[in-house]
Amino acid sequence: MASWRPWLECLAIATAFVLPMHRGRSVSRNHTTTIVRRLVSTVAACCITWLPLWTALKAHHNQGATEAWKQLPGALGFRWRGVLQAMTLPALLTLALYLGPLVMMAVDAATAWHFQRGPGLARRGGSGRSWPMAVRDLLAAPLLEEFAFRSCMTPLLLLGGTSVKTAVLVTPLFFGVAHLHHLYELLAVQQLSPQVALAQVAGQAVYTTLFGAYVTWLLIRTGSLVAPVVVHMLCNVLGFPDFDAMAAHRHQPLLSAATGAGVLLFTILLKPMTAPSKYGGPLLLPPPPATLT
């Protein structure tokens, strides 16, 4: 029977990760000072978020601290076995979901090359990120968030008796709810109306929860933290698909077909491309989880 203690510990991990972000003045999250301050606070949080898992490993069958230390890296998803597969296969699988936007970029690039003698991708791909924003979005956030919300939480729940299905479906709620703090930014700094701010945050919470379920699945199946981190980096680079732009595009039927084909391809390849046998086995927990097919 699953214990409530791991869930409370996951809540504590999420609180330790998010709460320190809001110390200090009301400054935009994209201000360099805010980025540095939040980076320091999240690194500090990650220095302790693994402790509940280590404690759970130590309590598992009354194991000693030494044995728990030996099992901790594998439980966190730190391993070399299958690392090349974890870096490539999940990323290729994820690109299937971006087939529509990628086709739109290719069409626009070909058009720009024909009329302007240049691919024109820099204008579309340029996100306006400063260097601190780029470090945060493309490096720090994927590494730190996946460590805290996936690597530290998922094995903790599984050790506590939570089923794989429940862990995949429910654990991401911590990740989604953790992004609700953006409501403060939208209201206090950008001074949006409550209705607009709530709509934006609700949409982001849904997206991040779905994304969290996907990368939790990847961690369990591949047994490697590398897979969720690489996919997180990729999604931050590509951003959320611009469905409005695709709907208004002159090649909208082509883009719709490409989007549908990408979703179908992703659905078909999800299980075979994340088969644990391709990565040297699933997430390492004592006792080993049931064989996943």
Protein backbone atom coordinates (compact mmCIF):
# COMPACT_ATOMS: atom_id res chain seq x y z
CA MET A 1 0.00 0.00 0.00
CA ALA A 2 1.34 3.41 -0.96
CA SER A 3 2.41 5.73 1.84
CA TRP A 4 1.45 9.40 2.10
CA ARG A 5 4.90 10.36 3.38
CA PRO A 6 6.57 10.45 -0.07
CA TRP A 7 3.82 12.72 -1.37
CA LEU A 8 4.36 15.14 1.49
CA GLU A 9 8.10 15.01 0.86
CA CYS A 10 7.49 15.79 -2.82
CA LEU A 11 5.41 18.78 -1.76
CA ALA A 12 8.30 19.90 0.46
CA ILE A 13 10.73 19.53 -2.46
CA ALA A 14 8.51 21.65 -4.71
CA THR A 15 8.13 24.28 -1.99
CA ALA A 16 11.88 24.41 -1.35
CA PHE A 17 12.47 24.83 -5.07
CA VAL A 18 9.90 27.56 -5.76
CA LEU A 19 9.40 29.58 -2.56
CA PRO A 20 12.87 31.22 -2.39
CA MET A 21 12.33 32.62 -5.88
CA HIS A 22 10.04 35.32 -4.51
CA ARG A 23 12.37 36.89 -1.99
CA GLY A 24 13.34 40.47 -2.74
CA ARG A 25 11.79 43.21 -4.83
CA SER A 26 9.18 42.87 -7.55
CA VAL A 27 11.47 42.77 -10.58
CA SER A 28 10.82 41.05 -13.89
CA ARG A 29 11.83 37.39 -14.00
CA ASN A 30 13.90 38.24 -17.10
CA HIS A 31 15.99 40.85 -15.31
CA THR A 32 19.58 39.66 -14.93
CA THR A 33 19.56 40.22 -11.16
CA THR A 34 16.42 38.12 -10.78
CA ILE A 35 17.82 35.36 -12.98
CA VAL A 36 21.04 35.13 -10.97
CA ARG A 37 19.22 35.25 -7.62
CA ARG A 38 16.79 32.52 -8.65
CA LEU A 39 19.59 30.41 -10.09
CA VAL A 40 21.44 30.55 -6.79
CA SER A 41 18.29 29.66 -4.83
CA THR A 42 17.39 26.70 -7.05
CA VAL A 43 20.95 25.34 -6.99
CA ALA A 44 20.84 25.59 -3.20
CA ALA A 45 17.48 23.79 -3.17
CA CYS A 46 18.85 20.98 -5.35
CA CYS A 47 21.63 20.45 -2.82
CA ILE A 48 19.03 19.07 -0.41
CA THR A 49 16.16 17.76 -2.59
CA TRP A 50 17.83 14.33 -2.87
CA LEU A 51 17.85 13.79 0.91
CA PRO A 52 14.31 12.31 1.16
CA LEU A 53 15.23 9.73 -1.49
CA TRP A 54 18.45 8.81 0.31
CA THR A 55 16.50 8.45 3.55
CA ALA A 56 13.93 6.24 1.81
CA LEU A 57 16.69 4.06 0.35
CA LYS A 58 18.28 3.74 3.77
CA ALA A 59 14.96 2.72 5.32
CA HIS A 60 14.24 0.23 2.53
CA HIS A 61 14.64 -3.22 4.13
CA ASN A 62 16.54 -1.41 6.94
CA GLN A 63 19.58 -0.88 4.75
CA GLY A 64 22.58 0.96 6.11
CA ALA A 65 23.78 4.38 4.98
CA THR A 66 26.61 2.87 2.92
CA GLU A 67 24.27 0.70 0.87
CA ALA A 68 21.92 3.65 0.38
CA TRP A 69 24.79 5.75 -0.97
CA LYS A 70 25.62 2.99 -3.46
CA GLN A 71 22.04 2.83 -4.71
CA LEU A 72 21.41 6.59 -4.82
CA PRO A 73 23.02 7.37 -8.24
CA GLY A 74 21.06 4.64 -10.02
CA ALA A 75 17.82 5.68 -8.33
CA LEU A 76 18.41 9.30 -9.40
CA GLY A 77 19.01 8.26 -13.00
CA PHE A 78 22.75 8.90 -12.94
CA ARG A 79 24.40 6.24 -15.08
CA TRP A 80 26.59 5.92 -18.16
CA ARG A 81 24.91 2.83 -19.55
CA GLY A 82 22.66 3.78 -22.45
CA VAL A 83 23.59 7.47 -22.23
CA LEU A 84 24.02 7.92 -26.01
CA GLN A 85 20.61 6.38 -26.64
CA ALA A 86 19.11 8.62 -23.92
CA MET A 87 20.61 11.68 -25.61
CA THR A 88 19.25 10.90 -29.07
CA LEU A 89 16.20 8.61 -29.23
CA PRO A 90 13.83 10.63 -26.96
CA ALA A 91 14.87 13.85 -28.75
CA LEU A 92 14.03 12.32 -32.14
CA LEU A 93 10.73 11.07 -30.74
CA THR A 94 9.90 14.54 -29.44
CA LEU A 95 10.67 16.15 -32.80
CA ALA A 96 7.74 14.20 -34.23
CA LEU A 97 5.42 16.44 -32.21
CA TYR A 98 7.03 19.47 -33.89
CA LEU A 99 6.62 18.17 -37.43
CA GLY A 100 4.04 20.84 -38.29
CA PRO A 101 6.11 23.80 -37.01
CA LEU A 102 9.27 22.35 -38.59
CA VAL A 103 7.55 22.09 -41.98
CA MET A 104 6.35 25.70 -41.57
CA MET A 105 9.90 26.82 -40.82
CA ALA A 106 11.18 24.93 -43.87
CA VAL A 107 8.53 26.44 -46.16
CA ASP A 108 9.17 29.96 -44.87
CA ALA A 109 12.93 29.48 -45.13
CA ALA A 110 12.63 28.31 -48.73
CA THR A 111 10.44 31.31 -49.55
CA ALA A 112 12.83 33.74 -47.86
CA TRP A 113 15.80 32.17 -49.66
CA HIS A 114 14.06 32.56 -53.01
CA PHE A 115 13.10 36.21 -52.52
CA GLN A 116 15.85 37.48 -50.22
CA ARG A 117 18.73 35.08 -50.89
CA GLY A 118 18.83 34.04 -47.29
CA PRO A 119 16.99 31.45 -45.23
CA GLY A 120 15.44 33.98 -42.88
CA LEU A 121 15.40 31.52 -39.98
CA ALA A 122 17.10 33.94 -37.61
CA ARG A 123 14.04 36.18 -37.49
CA ARG A 124 11.72 33.29 -36.68
CA GLY A 125 14.18 31.45 -34.45
CA GLY A 126 15.45 34.55 -32.68
CA SER A 127 13.66 34.52 -29.35
CA GLY A 128 15.07 37.81 -28.08
CA ARG A 129 16.81 36.02 -25.22
CA SER A 130 19.66 37.76 -23.44
CA TRP A 131 22.62 35.60 -22.44
CA PRO A 132 21.37 35.20 -18.85
CA MET A 133 17.94 34.23 -20.18
CA ALA A 134 19.49 31.72 -22.58
CA VAL A 135 21.52 30.13 -19.78
CA ARG A 136 18.39 29.93 -17.62
CA ASP A 137 16.05 28.58 -20.30
CA LEU A 138 18.37 26.25 -22.20
CA LEU A 139 20.70 24.95 -19.50
CA ALA A 140 19.87 25.76 -15.88
CA ALA A 141 16.10 25.18 -15.97
CA PRO A 142 16.28 21.80 -17.74
CA LEU A 143 19.03 20.50 -15.47
CA LEU A 144 17.72 21.79 -12.15
CA GLU A 145 13.99 21.26 -12.74
CA GLU A 146 14.44 17.73 -14.07
CA PHE A 147 16.69 16.85 -11.15
CA ALA A 148 14.29 18.17 -8.51
CA PHE A 149 10.92 17.30 -10.06
CA ARG A 150 11.81 14.07 -11.82
CA SER A 151 15.02 12.58 -10.47
CA CYS A 152 14.28 13.23 -6.80
CA MET A 153 10.49 12.80 -6.77
CA THR A 154 9.76 9.88 -9.09
CA PRO A 155 11.89 7.18 -7.41
CA LEU A 156 10.80 8.47 -4.01
CA LEU A 157 7.16 7.80 -4.88
CA LEU A 158 7.89 4.45 -6.48
CA LEU A 159 9.78 3.33 -3.38
CA GLY A 160 6.80 4.40 -1.29
CA GLY A 161 4.51 2.00 -3.15
CA THR A 162 3.08 4.34 -5.78
CA SER A 163 2.40 2.55 -9.07
CA VAL A 164 4.24 3.56 -12.24
CA LYS A 165 0.96 4.71 -13.80
CA THR A 166 0.11 6.93 -10.83
CA ALA A 167 3.63 8.35 -10.71
CA VAL A 168 3.47 9.26 -14.40
CA LEU A 169 0.00 10.81 -14.17
CA VAL A 170 0.13 12.55 -10.79
CA THR A 171 3.77 13.49 -10.13
CA PRO A 172 3.73 16.13 -12.91
CA LEU A 173 1.08 18.03 -10.96
CA PHE A 174 3.87 19.20 -8.64
CA PHE A 175 5.72 20.50 -11.71
CA GLY A 176 2.61 22.15 -13.13
CA VAL A 177 1.59 23.76 -9.85
CA ALA A 178 5.18 24.96 -9.33
CA HIS A 179 4.75 27.14 -12.42
CA LEU A 180 1.76 28.92 -10.91
CA HIS A 181 4.22 31.35 -9.35
CA HIS A 182 4.30 33.07 -12.75
CA LEU A 183 0.91 34.53 -11.76
CA TYR A 184 2.76 36.85 -9.36
CA GLU A 185 5.01 38.04 -12.21
CA LEU A 186 2.07 38.70 -14.51
CA LEU A 187 0.07 40.61 -11.90
CA ALA A 188 2.74 42.47 -9.93
CA VAL A 189 5.35 43.17 -12.62
CA GLN A 190 3.57 43.08 -15.99
CA GLN A 191 0.34 44.37 -14.37
CA LEU A 192 -1.97 42.30 -16.52
CA SER A 193 -5.62 42.00 -15.62
CA PRO A 194 -6.48 39.06 -13.34
CA GLN A 195 -8.53 37.41 -16.09
CA VAL A 196 -5.70 37.53 -18.65
CA ALA A 197 -3.07 36.51 -16.10
CA LEU A 198 -5.13 33.55 -14.87
CA ALA A 199 -5.79 32.39 -18.43
CA GLN A 200 -2.09 32.48 -19.28
CA VAL A 201 -1.02 30.69 -16.11
CA ALA A 202 -3.74 28.05 -16.45
CA GLY A 203 -2.65 27.30 -20.00
CA GLN A 204 0.98 27.05 -18.94
CA ALA A 205 0.08 24.79 -16.00
CA VAL A 206 -1.76 22.39 -18.32
CA TYR A 207 1.13 22.34 -20.79
CA THR A 208 3.80 21.83 -18.12
CA THR A 209 1.75 19.07 -16.46
CA LEU A 210 1.42 17.17 -19.76
CA PHE A 211 5.10 17.73 -20.44
CA GLY A 212 5.90 16.50 -16.93
CA ALA A 213 3.99 13.27 -17.51
CA TYR A 214 5.96 12.66 -20.69
CA VAL A 215 9.40 13.21 -19.17
CA THR A 216 8.47 11.22 -16.05
CA TRP A 217 7.65 8.34 -18.40
CA LEU A 218 11.04 8.87 -20.09
CA LEU A 219 12.92 8.76 -16.77
CA ILE A 220 11.25 5.53 -15.67
CA ARG A 221 11.57 3.81 -19.03
CA THR A 222 15.12 4.86 -19.90
CA GLY A 223 16.45 4.84 -16.34
CA SER A 224 18.48 7.93 -17.22
CA LEU A 225 18.07 11.56 -16.18
CA VAL A 226 19.74 12.50 -19.48
CA ALA A 227 16.57 11.76 -21.47
CA PRO A 228 14.28 14.21 -19.62
CA VAL A 229 16.99 16.89 -19.54
CA VAL A 230 17.69 16.70 -23.29
CA VAL A 231 13.97 16.73 -24.14
CA HIS A 232 13.43 19.69 -21.80
CA MET A 233 16.28 21.58 -23.50
CA LEU A 234 14.87 20.78 -26.93
CA CYS A 235 11.36 21.96 -26.02
CA ASN A 236 12.74 25.18 -24.55
CA VAL A 237 14.68 25.82 -27.76
CA LEU A 238 11.71 25.16 -30.05
CA GLY A 239 9.09 26.70 -27.76
CA PHE A 240 5.37 26.02 -27.80
CA PRO A 241 4.07 25.40 -31.34
CA ASP A 242 2.55 28.54 -32.87
CA PHE A 243 -0.82 27.09 -33.85
CA ASP A 244 -2.25 30.52 -34.67
CA ALA A 245 0.50 31.15 -37.21
CA MET A 246 -0.01 27.71 -38.76
CA ALA A 247 -3.78 28.23 -38.97
CA ALA A 248 -3.27 31.54 -40.79
CA HIS A 249 -0.48 30.25 -43.04
CA ARG A 250 -0.99 30.09 -46.80
CA HIS A 251 -0.01 26.40 -46.67
CA GLN A 252 -2.34 25.62 -43.77
CA PRO A 253 -3.59 22.27 -45.22
CA LEU A 254 -0.01 21.05 -45.57
CA LEU A 255 0.87 22.15 -42.03
CA SER A 256 -2.26 20.53 -40.58
CA ALA A 257 -1.42 17.28 -42.34
CA ALA A 258 2.17 17.44 -41.08
CA THR A 259 1.00 18.12 -37.52
CA GLY A 260 -1.42 15.19 -37.61
CA ALA A 261 1.22 12.90 -39.09
CA GLY A 262 3.66 13.96 -36.37
CA VAL A 263 1.19 13.18 -33.58
CA LEU A 264 0.41 9.81 -35.16
CA LEU A 265 4.11 9.02 -35.55
CA PHE A 266 4.77 10.00 -31.93
CA THR A 267 1.94 7.76 -30.72
CA ILE A 268 3.17 4.78 -32.72
CA LEU A 269 6.83 5.16 -31.71
CA LEU A 270 6.34 6.14 -28.04
CA LYS A 271 6.68 2.66 -26.54
CA PRO A 272 9.21 1.09 -28.94
CA MET A 273 11.55 4.08 -28.85
CA THR A 274 11.48 4.17 -25.04
CA ALA A 275 11.77 0.41 -24.53
CA PRO A 276 14.02 -0.10 -21.46
CA SER A 277 16.02 -2.75 -23.33
CA LYS A 278 17.40 0.00 -25.58
CA TYR A 279 18.84 1.85 -22.58
CA GLY A 280 20.18 -0.98 -20.43
CA GLY A 281 17.06 -1.33 -18.29
CA PRO A 282 14.53 0.91 -16.51
CA LEU A 283 15.10 3.11 -13.47
CA LEU A 284 17.20 1.26 -10.87
CA LEU A 285 15.34 0.83 -7.60
CA PRO A 286 15.62 -1.79 -4.84
CA PRO A 287 14.02 -4.21 -5.56
CA PRO A 288 14.14 -3.70 -9.34
CA PRO A 289 10.80 -2.51 -10.80
CA ALA A 290 8.71 -4.93 -12.77
CA THR A 291 9.90 -5.49 -16.32
CA LEU A 292 8.45 -2.88 -18.66
CA THR A 293 7.61 -3.79 -22.21
